[in-house]
PDB file of N, CA and C in Angstrom:
ATOM      1  N   MET A   1      22.184 -11.864  13.513  1.00  0.00           N
ATOM      2  CA  MET A   1      20.973 -12.527  13.021  1.00  0.00           C
ATOM      3  C   MET A   1      21.375 -13.749  12.182  1.00  0.00           C
ATOM      4  N   THR A   2      20.647 -14.787  12.325  1.00  0.00           N
ATOM      5  CA  THR A   2      20.874 -15.974  11.473  1.00  0.00           C
ATOM      6  C   THR A   2      20.242 -15.732  10.134  1.00  0.00           C
ATOM      7  N   PRO A   3      20.658 -16.481   9.117  1.00  0.00           N
ATOM      8  CA  PRO A   3      20.028 -16.351   7.787  1.00  0.00           C
ATOM      9  C   PRO A   3      18.530 -16.561   7.824  1.00  0.00           C
ATOM     10  N   GLU A   4      18.035 -17.467   8.696  1.00  0.00           N
ATOM     11  CA  GLU A   4      16.613 -17.716   8.762  1.00  0.00           C
ATOM     12  C   GLU A   4      15.875 -16.482   9.314  1.00  0.00           C
ATOM     13  N   GLU A   5      16.451 -15.886  10.357  1.00  0.00           N
ATOM     14  CA  GLU A   5      15.801 -14.682  10.904  1.00  0.00           C
ATOM     15  C   GLU A   5      15.850 -13.542   9.901  1.00  0.00           C
ATOM     16  N   ASP A   6      16.919 -13.424   9.154  1.00  0.00           N
ATOM     17  CA  ASP A   6      17.043 -12.380   8.150  1.00  0.00           C
ATOM     18  C   ASP A   6      16.004 -12.586   7.044  1.00  0.00           C
ATOM     19  N   ALA A   7      15.807 -13.827   6.621  1.00  0.00           N
ATOM     20  CA  ALA A   7      14.830 -14.127   5.585  1.00  0.00           C
ATOM     21  C   ALA A   7      13.406 -13.814   6.100  1.00  0.00           C
ATOM     22  N   GLU A   8      13.136 -14.150   7.328  1.00  0.00           N
ATOM     23  CA  GLU A   8      11.806 -13.882   7.931  1.00  0.00           C
ATOM     24  C   GLU A   8      11.573 -12.375   7.994  1.00  0.00           C
ATOM     25  N   TYR A   9      12.585 -11.631   8.411  1.00  0.00           N
ATOM     26  CA  TYR A   9      12.481 -10.171   8.489  1.00  0.00           C
ATOM     27  C   TYR A   9      12.206  -9.577   7.124  1.00  0.00           C
ATOM     28  N   ARG A  10      12.936 -10.043   6.117  1.00  0.00           N
ATOM     29  CA  ARG A  10      12.713  -9.535   4.730  1.00  0.00           C
ATOM     30  C   ARG A  10      11.323  -9.877   4.249  1.00  0.00           C
ATOM     31  N   ARG A  11      10.857 -11.091   4.558  1.00  0.00           N
ATOM     32  CA  ARG A  11       9.529 -11.482   4.108  1.00  0.00           C
ATOM     33  C   ARG A  11       8.448 -10.615   4.746  1.00  0.00           C
ATOM     34  N   ARG A  12       8.591 -10.355   6.068  1.00  0.00           N
ATOM     35  CA  ARG A  12       7.640  -9.487   6.760  1.00  0.00           C
ATOM     36  C   ARG A  12       7.673  -8.074   6.203  1.00  0.00           C
ATOM     37  N   GLN A  13       8.851  -7.566   5.920  1.00  0.00           N
ATOM     38  CA  GLN A  13       8.985  -6.210   5.399  1.00  0.00           C
ATOM     39  C   GLN A  13       8.349  -6.149   4.007  1.00  0.00           C
ATOM     40  N   LYS A  14       8.519  -7.148   3.192  1.00  0.00           N
ATOM     41  CA  LYS A  14       7.954  -7.165   1.851  1.00  0.00           C
ATOM     42  C   LYS A  14       6.414  -7.152   1.929  1.00  0.00           C
ATOM     43  N   SER A  15       5.850  -7.983   2.807  1.00  0.00           N
ATOM     44  CA  SER A  15       4.412  -8.029   2.904  1.00  0.00           C
ATOM     45  C   SER A  15       3.857  -6.700   3.451  1.00  0.00           C
ATOM     46  N   ARG A  16       4.617  -6.077   4.383  1.00  0.00           N
ATOM     47  CA  ARG A  16       4.177  -4.770   4.900  1.00  0.00           C
ATOM     48  C   ARG A  16       4.221  -3.712   3.798  1.00  0.00           C
ATOM     49  N   ASN A  17       5.245  -3.765   2.945  1.00  0.00           N
ATOM     50  CA  ASN A  17       5.331  -2.813   1.828  1.00  0.00           C
ATOM     51  C   ASN A  17       4.192  -3.006   0.879  1.00  0.00           C
ATOM     52  N   VAL A  18       3.789  -4.232   0.618  1.00  0.00           N
ATOM     53  CA  VAL A  18       2.657  -4.487  -0.299  1.00  0.00           C
ATOM     54  C   VAL A  18       1.378  -3.903   0.301  1.00  0.00           C
ATOM     55  N   VAL A  19       1.174  -4.090   1.630  1.00  0.00           N
ATOM     56  CA  VAL A  19      -0.036  -3.550   2.267  1.00  0.00           C
ATOM     57  C   VAL A  19      -0.029  -2.041   2.218  1.00  0.00           C
ATOM     58  N   VAL A  20       1.102  -1.389   2.518  1.00  0.00           N
ATOM     59  CA  VAL A  20       1.168   0.075   2.492  1.00  0.00           C
ATOM     60  C   VAL A  20       0.923   0.577   1.054  1.00  0.00           C
ATOM     61  N   GLY A  21       1.500  -0.085   0.080  1.00  0.00           N
ATOM     62  CA  GLY A  21       1.260   0.283  -1.320  1.00  0.00           C
ATOM     63  C   GLY A  21      -0.206   0.163  -1.701  1.00  0.00           C
ATOM     64  N   GLY A  22      -0.849  -0.872  -1.246  1.00  0.00           N
ATOM     65  CA  GLY A  22      -2.286  -1.029  -1.528  1.00  0.00           C
ATOM     66  C   GLY A  22      -3.126   0.055  -0.887  1.00  0.00           C
ATOM     67  N   VAL A  23      -2.808   0.443   0.324  1.00  0.00           N
ATOM     68  CA  VAL A  23      -3.551   1.511   1.012  1.00  0.00           C
ATOM     69  C   VAL A  23      -3.371   2.815   0.268  1.00  0.00           C
ATOM     70  N   LEU A  24      -2.131   3.119  -0.128  1.00  0.00           N
ATOM     71  CA  LEU A  24      -1.863   4.336  -0.869  1.00  0.00           C
ATOM     72  C   LEU A  24      -2.627   4.360  -2.191  1.00  0.00           C
ATOM     73  N   LEU A  25      -2.624   3.240  -2.892  1.00  0.00           N
ATOM     74  CA  LEU A  25      -3.365   3.143  -4.156  1.00  0.00           C
ATOM     75  C   LEU A  25      -4.848   3.353  -3.929  1.00  0.00           C
ATOM     76  N   PHE A  26      -5.400   2.799  -2.840  1.00  0.00           N
ATOM     77  CA  PHE A  26      -6.780   2.997  -2.504  1.00  0.00           C
ATOM     78  C   PHE A  26      -7.099   4.502  -2.317  1.00  0.00           C
ATOM     79  N   PHE A  27      -6.245   5.216  -1.584  1.00  0.00           N
ATOM     80  CA  PHE A  27      -6.473   6.634  -1.372  1.00  0.00           C
ATOM     81  C   PHE A  27      -6.373   7.434  -2.663  1.00  0.00           C
ATOM     82  N   VAL A  28      -5.471   7.061  -3.543  1.00  0.00           N
ATOM     83  CA  VAL A  28      -5.363   7.764  -4.824  1.00  0.00           C
ATOM     84  C   VAL A  28      -6.645   7.540  -5.662  1.00  0.00           C
ATOM     85  N   VAL A  29      -7.160   6.336  -5.695  1.00  0.00           N
ATOM     86  CA  VAL A  29      -8.411   6.057  -6.430  1.00  0.00           C
ATOM     87  C   VAL A  29      -9.571   6.810  -5.785  1.00  0.00           C
ATOM     88  N   LEU A  30      -9.625   6.799  -4.448  1.00  0.00           N
ATOM     89  CA  LEU A  30     -10.678   7.522  -3.745  1.00  0.00           C
ATOM     90  C   LEU A  30     -10.637   9.009  -4.049  1.00  0.00           C
ATOM     91  N   PHE A  31      -9.468   9.619  -4.019  1.00  0.00           N
ATOM     92  CA  PHE A  31      -9.297  11.021  -4.349  1.00  0.00           C
ATOM     93  C   PHE A  31      -9.753  11.303  -5.786  1.00  0.00           C
ATOM     94  N   TYR A  32      -9.391  10.414  -6.699  1.00  0.00           N
ATOM     95  CA  TYR A  32      -9.772  10.540  -8.095  1.00  0.00           C
ATOM     96  C   TYR A  32     -11.284  10.547  -8.260  1.00  0.00           C
ATOM     97  N   PHE A  33     -11.976   9.606  -7.613  1.00  0.00           N
ATOM     98  CA  PHE A  33     -13.422   9.525  -7.731  1.00  0.00           C
ATOM     99  C   PHE A  33     -14.108  10.737  -7.076  1.00  0.00           C
ATOM    100  N   ILE A  34     -13.557  11.204  -5.955  1.00  0.00           N
ATOM    101  CA  ILE A  34     -14.143  12.402  -5.300  1.00  0.00           C
ATOM    102  C   ILE A  34     -14.006  13.595  -6.236  1.00  0.00           C
ATOM    103  N   THR A  35     -12.848  13.728  -6.870  1.00  0.00           N
ATOM    104  CA  THR A  35     -12.628  14.846  -7.797  1.00  0.00           C
ATOM    105  C   THR A  35     -13.601  14.777  -8.962  1.00  0.00           C
ATOM    106  N   ILE A  36     -13.768  13.593  -9.530  1.00  0.00           N
ATOM    107  CA  ILE A  36     -14.727  13.443 -10.637  1.00  0.00           C
ATOM    108  C   ILE A  36     -16.149  13.787 -10.217  1.00  0.00           C
ATOM    109  N   ALA A  37     -16.518  13.336  -9.011  1.00  0.00           N
ATOM    110  CA  ALA A  37     -17.882  13.630  -8.508  1.00  0.00           C
ATOM    111  C   ALA A  37     -18.071  15.122  -8.302  1.00  0.00           C
ATOM    112  N   ARG A  38     -17.073  15.837  -7.848  1.00  0.00           N
ATOM    113  CA  ARG A  38     -17.216  17.280  -7.611  1.00  0.00           C
ATOM    114  C   ARG A  38     -17.270  18.013  -8.933  1.00  0.00           C
ATOM    115  N   ILE A  39     -16.559  17.569  -9.932  1.00  0.00           N
ATOM    116  CA  ILE A  39     -16.606  18.215 -11.265  1.00  0.00           C
ATOM    117  C   ILE A  39     -18.003  17.988 -11.852  1.00  0.00           C
ATOM    118  N   GLY A  40     -18.554  16.816 -11.629  1.00  0.00           N
ATOM    119  CA  GLY A  40     -19.846  16.493 -12.175  1.00  0.00           C
ATOM    120  C   GLY A  40     -21.003  17.311 -11.641  1.00  0.00           C
ATOM    121  N   ASP A  41     -20.841  17.887 -10.439  1.00  0.00           N
ATOM    122  CA  ASP A  41     -21.933  18.652  -9.840  1.00  0.00           C
ATOM    123  C   ASP A  41     -22.145  19.974 -10.526  1.00  0.00           C
TER     124      ASP A  41
END
């Protein structure tokens, strides 16, 4: 791999990691709100 291809691969992997992290954070917040709503009933 050339340095340019390697940099592009790292950039893509970093953006994918950010997306996966955001999705996981969304599910944690969703689970938290569902738990609070169930306790409130």
